[in-house]
């Protein structure tokens, strides 16, 4: 396994509910 990818999360501030979780790969890998 390589280094951990960039993780990002979109969360509703009022309810604290997680709306979206995504992953961004490091552009320097390619």
PDB file of N, CA and C in Angstrom:
ATOM      1  N   UNK A   1       0.847  -1.206   0.000  1.00  0.00           N
ATOM      2  CA  UNK A   1       0.000   0.000   0.000  1.00  0.00           C
ATOM      3  C   UNK A   1       0.881   1.256   0.000  1.00  0.00           C
ATOM      4  N   UNK A   2       0.402   2.258  -0.726  1.00  0.00           N
ATOM      5  CA  UNK A   2       1.152   3.507  -0.771  1.00  0.00           C
ATOM      6  C   UNK A   2       0.680   4.444   0.334  1.00  0.00           C
ATOM      7  N   UNK A   3       1.076   5.697   0.235  1.00  0.00           N
ATOM      8  CA  UNK A   3       0.669   6.667   1.259  1.00  0.00           C
ATOM      9  C   UNK A   3      -0.836   6.874   1.223  1.00  0.00           C
ATOM     10  N   UNK A   4      -1.399   7.245   2.344  1.00  0.00           N
ATOM     11  CA  UNK A   4      -2.852   7.418   2.446  1.00  0.00           C
ATOM     12  C   UNK A   4      -3.315   8.554   1.539  1.00  0.00           C
ATOM     13  N   UNK A   5      -4.398   8.338   0.825  1.00  0.00           N
ATOM     14  CA  UNK A   5      -4.950   9.373  -0.054  1.00  0.00           C
ATOM     15  C   UNK A   5      -5.589  10.497   0.755  1.00  0.00           C
ATOM     16  N   UNK A   6      -5.860  11.583   0.090  1.00  0.00           N
ATOM     17  CA  UNK A   6      -6.508  12.716   0.750  1.00  0.00           C
ATOM     18  C   UNK A   6      -7.977  12.401   0.973  1.00  0.00           C
ATOM     19  N   UNK A   7      -8.410  12.506   2.210  1.00  0.00           N
ATOM     20  CA  UNK A   7      -9.810  12.243   2.519  1.00  0.00           C
ATOM     21  C   UNK A   7     -10.528  13.564   2.774  1.00  0.00           C
ATOM     22  N   UNK A   8     -11.757  13.645   2.325  1.00  0.00           N
ATOM     23  CA  UNK A   8     -12.529  14.852   2.607  1.00  0.00           C
ATOM     24  C   UNK A   8     -13.961  14.458   2.933  1.00  0.00           C
ATOM     25  N   UNK A   9     -14.607  15.244   3.738  1.00  0.00           N
ATOM     26  CA  UNK A   9     -15.941  14.905   4.213  1.00  0.00           C
ATOM     27  C   UNK A   9     -16.818  16.152   4.216  1.00  0.00           C
ATOM     28  N   UNK A  10     -18.029  16.006   3.696  1.00  0.00           N
ATOM     29  CA  UNK A  10     -19.008  17.096   3.741  1.00  0.00           C
ATOM     30  C   UNK A  10     -20.020  16.766   4.825  1.00  0.00           C
ATOM     31  N   UNK A  11     -20.158  17.650   5.801  1.00  0.00           N
ATOM     32  CA  UNK A  11     -21.010  17.358   6.952  1.00  0.00           C
ATOM     33  C   UNK A  11     -21.980  18.500   7.196  1.00  0.00           C
ATOM     34  N   UNK A  12     -23.216  18.113   7.516  1.00  0.00           N
ATOM     35  CA  UNK A  12     -24.234  19.128   7.807  1.00  0.00           C
ATOM     36  C   UNK A  12     -23.948  19.722   9.184  1.00  0.00           C
ATOM     37  N   UNK A  13     -23.763  21.022   9.236  1.00  0.00           N
ATOM     38  CA  UNK A  13     -23.369  21.660  10.496  1.00  0.00           C
ATOM     39  C   UNK A  13     -24.504  21.681  11.505  1.00  0.00           C
ATOM     40  N   UNK A  14     -25.737  21.712  11.020  1.00  0.00           N
ATOM     41  CA  UNK A  14     -26.877  21.823  11.942  1.00  0.00           C
ATOM     42  C   UNK A  14     -27.183  20.489  12.618  1.00  0.00           C
ATOM     43  N   UNK A  15     -27.128  19.407  11.840  1.00  0.00           N
ATOM     44  CA  UNK A  15     -27.486  18.102  12.405  1.00  0.00           C
ATOM     45  C   UNK A  15     -26.252  17.275  12.739  1.00  0.00           C
ATOM     46  N   UNK A  16     -25.104  17.667  12.158  1.00  0.00           N
ATOM     47  CA  UNK A  16     -23.895  16.895  12.384  1.00  0.00           C
ATOM     48  C   UNK A  16     -23.892  15.610  11.572  1.00  0.00           C
ATOM     49  N   UNK A  17     -24.837  15.492  10.663  1.00  0.00           N
ATOM     50  CA  UNK A  17     -24.936  14.284   9.838  1.00  0.00           C
ATOM     51  C   UNK A  17     -23.964  14.367   8.667  1.00  0.00           C
ATOM     52  N   UNK A  18     -23.324  13.263   8.389  1.00  0.00           N
ATOM     53  CA  UNK A  18     -22.364  13.233   7.289  1.00  0.00           C
ATOM     54  C   UNK A  18     -23.106  13.099   5.964  1.00  0.00           C
ATOM     55  N   UNK A  19     -22.880  14.060   5.081  1.00  0.00           N
ATOM     56  CA  UNK A  19     -23.567  14.060   3.793  1.00  0.00           C
ATOM     57  C   UNK A  19     -22.762  13.323   2.733  1.00  0.00           C
ATOM     58  N   UNK A  20     -21.453  13.476   2.767  1.00  0.00           N
ATOM     59  CA  UNK A  20     -20.644  12.882   1.715  1.00  0.00           C
ATOM     60  C   UNK A  20     -19.231  12.621   2.218  1.00  0.00           C
ATOM     61  N   UNK A  21     -18.689  11.458   1.854  1.00  0.00           N
ATOM     62  CA  UNK A  21     -17.289  11.152   2.150  1.00  0.00           C
ATOM     63  C   UNK A  21     -16.618  10.758   0.842  1.00  0.00           C
ATOM     64  N   UNK A  22     -15.521  11.409   0.530  1.00  0.00           N
ATOM     65  CA  UNK A  22     -14.867  11.121  -0.732  1.00  0.00           C
ATOM     66  C   UNK A  22     -13.366  10.975  -0.558  1.00  0.00           C
ATOM     67  N   UNK A  23     -12.719  10.617  -1.646  1.00  0.00           N
ATOM     68  CA  UNK A  23     -11.281  10.411  -1.608  1.00  0.00           C
ATOM     69  C   UNK A  23     -10.643  11.081  -2.818  1.00  0.00           C
ATOM     70  N   UNK A  24      -9.586  11.819  -2.559  1.00  0.00           N
ATOM     71  CA  UNK A  24      -8.835  12.439  -3.645  1.00  0.00           C
ATOM     72  C   UNK A  24      -7.450  11.811  -3.693  1.00  0.00           C
ATOM     73  N   UNK A  25      -7.098  11.246  -4.839  1.00  0.00           N
ATOM     74  CA  UNK A  25      -5.780  10.640  -4.987  1.00  0.00           C
ATOM     75  C   UNK A  25      -4.727  11.721  -5.188  1.00  0.00           C
ATOM     76  N   UNK A  26      -3.512  11.425  -4.764  1.00  0.00           N
ATOM     77  CA  UNK A  26      -2.431  12.386  -4.903  1.00  0.00           C
ATOM     78  C   UNK A  26      -2.078  12.535  -6.384  1.00  0.00           C
ATOM     79  N   UNK A  27      -2.184  13.724  -6.938  1.00  0.00           N
ATOM     80  CA  UNK A  27      -1.903  13.931  -8.364  1.00  0.00           C
ATOM     81  C   UNK A  27      -0.437  13.687  -8.715  1.00  0.00           C
ATOM     82  N   UNK A  28       0.441  13.697  -7.724  1.00  0.00           N
ATOM     83  CA  UNK A  28       1.865  13.502  -7.984  1.00  0.00           C
ATOM     84  C   UNK A  28       2.202  12.031  -8.215  1.00  0.00           C
ATOM     85  N   UNK A  29       1.246  11.134  -7.943  1.00  0.00           N
ATOM     86  CA  UNK A  29       1.505   9.707  -8.146  1.00  0.00           C
ATOM     87  C   UNK A  29       1.627   9.385  -9.633  1.00  0.00           C
ATOM     88  N   UNK A  30       0.830  10.077 -10.470  1.00  0.00           N
ATOM     89  CA  UNK A  30       0.938   9.876 -11.905  1.00  0.00           C
ATOM     90  C   UNK A  30       1.691  11.023 -12.483  1.00  0.00           C
TER      91      UNK A  30
END
